[in-house]
Protein backbone atom coordinates (compact mmCIF):
# COMPACT_ATOMS: atom_id res chain seq x y z
CA MET A 1 79.68 247.95 48.98
CA ALA A 2 76.08 249.06 48.97
CA GLY A 3 73.67 246.43 50.14
CA THR A 4 76.38 244.34 51.82
CA PRO A 5 75.16 242.97 55.14
CA PRO A 6 77.38 243.90 58.05
CA TYR A 7 80.00 241.38 59.04
CA TRP A 8 80.21 240.96 62.82
CA LEU A 9 83.75 239.95 63.77
CA ASP A 10 84.61 237.73 66.72
CA SER A 11 87.66 238.49 68.88
CA ASN A 12 89.42 235.43 67.48
CA VAL A 13 89.40 236.94 63.99
CA PHE A 14 91.71 239.72 65.16
CA ILE A 15 93.79 237.60 67.54
CA GLN A 16 94.46 234.81 65.05
CA ALA A 17 95.23 237.33 62.30
CA LYS A 18 97.87 239.15 64.34
CA ASN A 19 99.38 235.90 65.65
CA GLY A 20 99.37 234.12 62.33
CA PRO A 21 98.97 234.99 58.69
CA TYR A 22 98.47 238.75 59.10
CA LYS A 23 101.10 239.92 61.55
CA PHE A 24 101.27 243.70 61.83
CA LYS A 25 104.94 243.93 60.80
CA THR A 26 104.52 241.91 57.59
CA SER A 27 100.88 242.26 56.55
CA GLY A 28 99.92 245.89 56.79
CA VAL A 29 97.74 245.47 53.70
CA PHE A 30 95.35 243.22 55.70
CA TRP A 31 94.94 245.81 58.46
CA ALA A 32 94.55 248.60 55.88
CA PHE A 33 91.81 246.53 54.22
CA LEU A 34 90.04 246.15 57.58
CA GLN A 35 90.27 249.93 58.04
CA GLU A 36 88.67 250.46 54.61
CA GLN A 37 85.85 248.13 55.64
CA ILE A 38 85.42 249.94 58.96
CA ASN A 39 85.16 253.23 57.06
CA ALA A 40 82.61 251.68 54.69
CA GLY A 41 80.56 250.34 57.60
CA THR A 42 80.97 246.78 56.36
CA ILE A 43 82.60 245.29 59.45
CA ARG A 44 81.50 245.77 63.03
CA CYS A 45 82.02 244.25 66.47
CA PRO A 46 80.04 244.32 69.67
CA LYS A 47 81.66 246.69 72.17
CA MET A 48 82.45 243.61 74.29
CA VAL A 49 84.95 242.44 71.63
CA TYR A 50 86.91 245.64 72.23
CA HIS A 51 86.90 245.01 75.98
CA GLU A 52 87.92 241.35 75.56
CA ILE A 53 90.94 242.23 73.44
CA VAL A 54 92.07 245.35 75.26
CA THR A 55 91.68 243.63 78.64
CA ASN A 56 93.24 240.27 77.72
CA GLU A 57 96.14 241.37 75.52
CA GLU A 58 99.27 243.11 76.76
CA PRO A 59 98.75 246.92 76.74
CA SER A 60 101.77 247.31 74.43
CA ASP A 61 100.55 244.54 72.10
CA ASP A 62 100.10 245.71 68.50
CA LEU A 63 96.50 244.49 68.42
CA ALA A 64 95.54 246.22 71.67
CA LYS A 65 97.08 249.45 70.35
CA TRP A 66 95.28 249.05 67.00
CA MET A 67 91.97 248.52 68.77
CA LYS A 68 92.43 251.48 71.10
CA THR A 69 93.06 253.84 68.18
CA ARG A 70 89.75 252.68 66.65
CA ARG A 71 87.66 252.85 69.79
CA GLN A 72 85.53 255.70 68.43
CA SER A 73 85.72 254.65 64.75
CA GLY A 74 82.29 253.04 64.57
CA LEU A 75 83.82 249.54 64.59
CA PHE A 76 82.62 248.84 68.13
CA VAL A 77 78.86 248.98 68.62
CA GLU A 78 76.91 249.28 71.86
CA PRO A 79 73.74 247.16 71.99
CA ASP A 80 70.51 249.10 71.57
CA ALA A 81 67.06 247.92 72.70
CA ASP A 82 66.55 245.84 69.54
CA VAL A 83 69.90 244.09 69.98
CA GLN A 84 69.01 243.43 73.62
CA LYS A 85 65.78 241.76 72.45
CA ALA A 86 67.79 239.63 70.02
CA MET A 87 70.17 238.80 72.88
CA GLN A 88 67.20 237.44 74.81
CA THR A 89 66.48 235.10 71.88
CA VAL A 90 70.11 233.93 71.93
CA ALA A 91 70.08 233.47 75.71
CA ASP A 92 66.78 231.56 75.66
CA TYR A 93 68.11 229.17 73.01
CA VAL A 94 71.39 228.59 74.84
CA VAL A 95 69.78 228.05 78.26
CA ASP A 96 67.20 225.67 76.78
CA ASN A 97 69.74 223.58 74.85
CA TYR A 98 72.95 223.41 76.91
CA GLU A 99 73.95 222.43 80.42
CA GLN A 100 73.81 225.32 82.86
CA GLN A 101 77.59 225.71 83.35
CA HIS A 102 78.25 225.76 79.59
CA ALA A 103 75.37 228.17 78.97
CA ALA A 104 76.58 230.50 81.73
CA GLU A 105 80.14 230.52 80.37
CA PHE A 106 78.96 231.33 76.83
CA LEU A 107 76.52 234.02 77.93
CA SER A 108 79.15 235.81 80.02
CA GLY A 109 81.29 236.83 77.04
CA ALA A 110 81.03 238.71 73.77
CA ASP A 111 79.94 235.72 71.66
CA PRO A 112 76.18 235.92 72.29
CA TRP A 113 76.27 239.66 71.59
CA LEU A 114 78.00 238.96 68.29
CA ILE A 115 75.07 236.75 67.31
CA ALA A 116 72.48 239.19 68.68
CA HIS A 117 73.90 242.07 66.63
CA ALA A 118 73.90 239.85 63.52
CA ILE A 119 70.27 238.85 64.14
CA HIS A 120 69.19 242.47 64.51
CA THR A 121 71.06 243.73 61.43
CA LYS A 122 70.54 240.61 59.28
CA GLY A 123 74.31 240.40 59.26
CA VAL A 124 76.91 237.66 59.07
CA VAL A 125 78.97 236.38 61.99
CA VAL A 126 82.68 235.95 61.26
CA SER A 127 84.54 233.60 63.57
CA HIS A 128 87.29 231.03 63.42
CA GLU A 129 84.78 228.75 65.14
CA SER A 130 83.24 228.31 61.71
CA ASN A 131 82.82 224.52 61.72
CA ARG A 132 79.65 223.19 63.30
CA HIS A 133 79.70 220.60 66.06
CA PRO A 134 75.98 220.10 66.77
CA ASN A 135 76.61 217.47 69.47
CA ALA A 136 79.18 219.49 71.41
CA LYS A 137 78.51 220.06 75.09
CA LYS A 138 80.28 223.42 75.01
CA VAL A 139 78.30 226.21 73.36
CA ARG A 140 79.84 227.18 70.03
CA ILE A 141 79.08 230.20 67.86
CA PRO A 142 78.39 228.26 64.60
CA ASP A 143 75.94 225.91 66.30
CA VAL A 144 73.92 228.75 67.85
CA CYS A 145 74.03 230.66 64.56
CA ALA A 146 72.74 227.61 62.64
CA ALA A 147 69.92 227.08 65.12
CA LEU A 148 68.87 230.74 64.90
CA GLY A 149 69.29 231.10 61.12
CA VAL A 150 72.32 233.41 61.24
CA PRO A 151 75.07 232.98 58.61
CA CYS A 152 78.46 232.16 60.14
CA ILE A 153 81.68 232.16 58.10
CA ASP A 154 85.42 232.35 58.72
CA THR A 155 87.79 235.23 58.00
CA TYR A 156 88.92 233.84 54.65
CA GLU A 157 85.39 233.55 53.32
CA MET A 158 84.66 237.11 54.46
CA LEU A 159 87.78 238.36 52.67
CA GLU A 160 86.73 236.53 49.52
CA ARG A 161 83.18 237.91 49.66
CA LEU A 162 84.52 241.44 50.15
CA GLY A 163 86.91 241.11 47.22
CA ALA A 164 90.13 241.44 49.21
CA ASP A 165 93.24 241.19 47.07
CA PHE A 166 96.52 241.21 48.95
CA LYS A 167 98.80 240.46 46.02
CA ALA A 168 101.79 242.77 46.04
CA SER A 169 101.65 245.24 43.18
CA GLY A 170 104.59 244.98 40.84
CA GLN A 171 105.37 241.46 42.02
CA LYS A 172 107.02 239.53 39.23
CA LYS A 173 105.72 236.14 38.24
CA GLY A 174 108.18 233.24 38.10
CA LYS A 175 109.50 232.17 34.72
């Protein structure tokens, strides 16, 4: 997909997929599609997403195992100097617009890095926090993205944009 901006995936994209519509045992096609996108360089995550999932999920959990086998795949990206500058923009906005305890909580996780990477690469943030709540006290990814001009979509919109088609081949239509 030449010219496709990178999609920066939040931890909740993976967690909700494996707990819900795309369980590993029944939806291997979803995970194979993600692997194709990793190989194409279309989807990425801040390295902190890896740490959040591997640290917070059970070590024998299918998602933790899947992540560990992709640790060196290019999916997980360390912040460079330009991303760190973008992170400062994110941090400044959050500190200036939210109460200190909410700002500190948000800035301590992977979420601000997700936005910083998207700013630097002119990418798209993918999160299940896709609905805006501009008056929320808690810092939310879509609200920060909107304020900083970063596109923010959910998993399903990303799949649609990337042309995912999970229909089973050879599946017969009803009469």
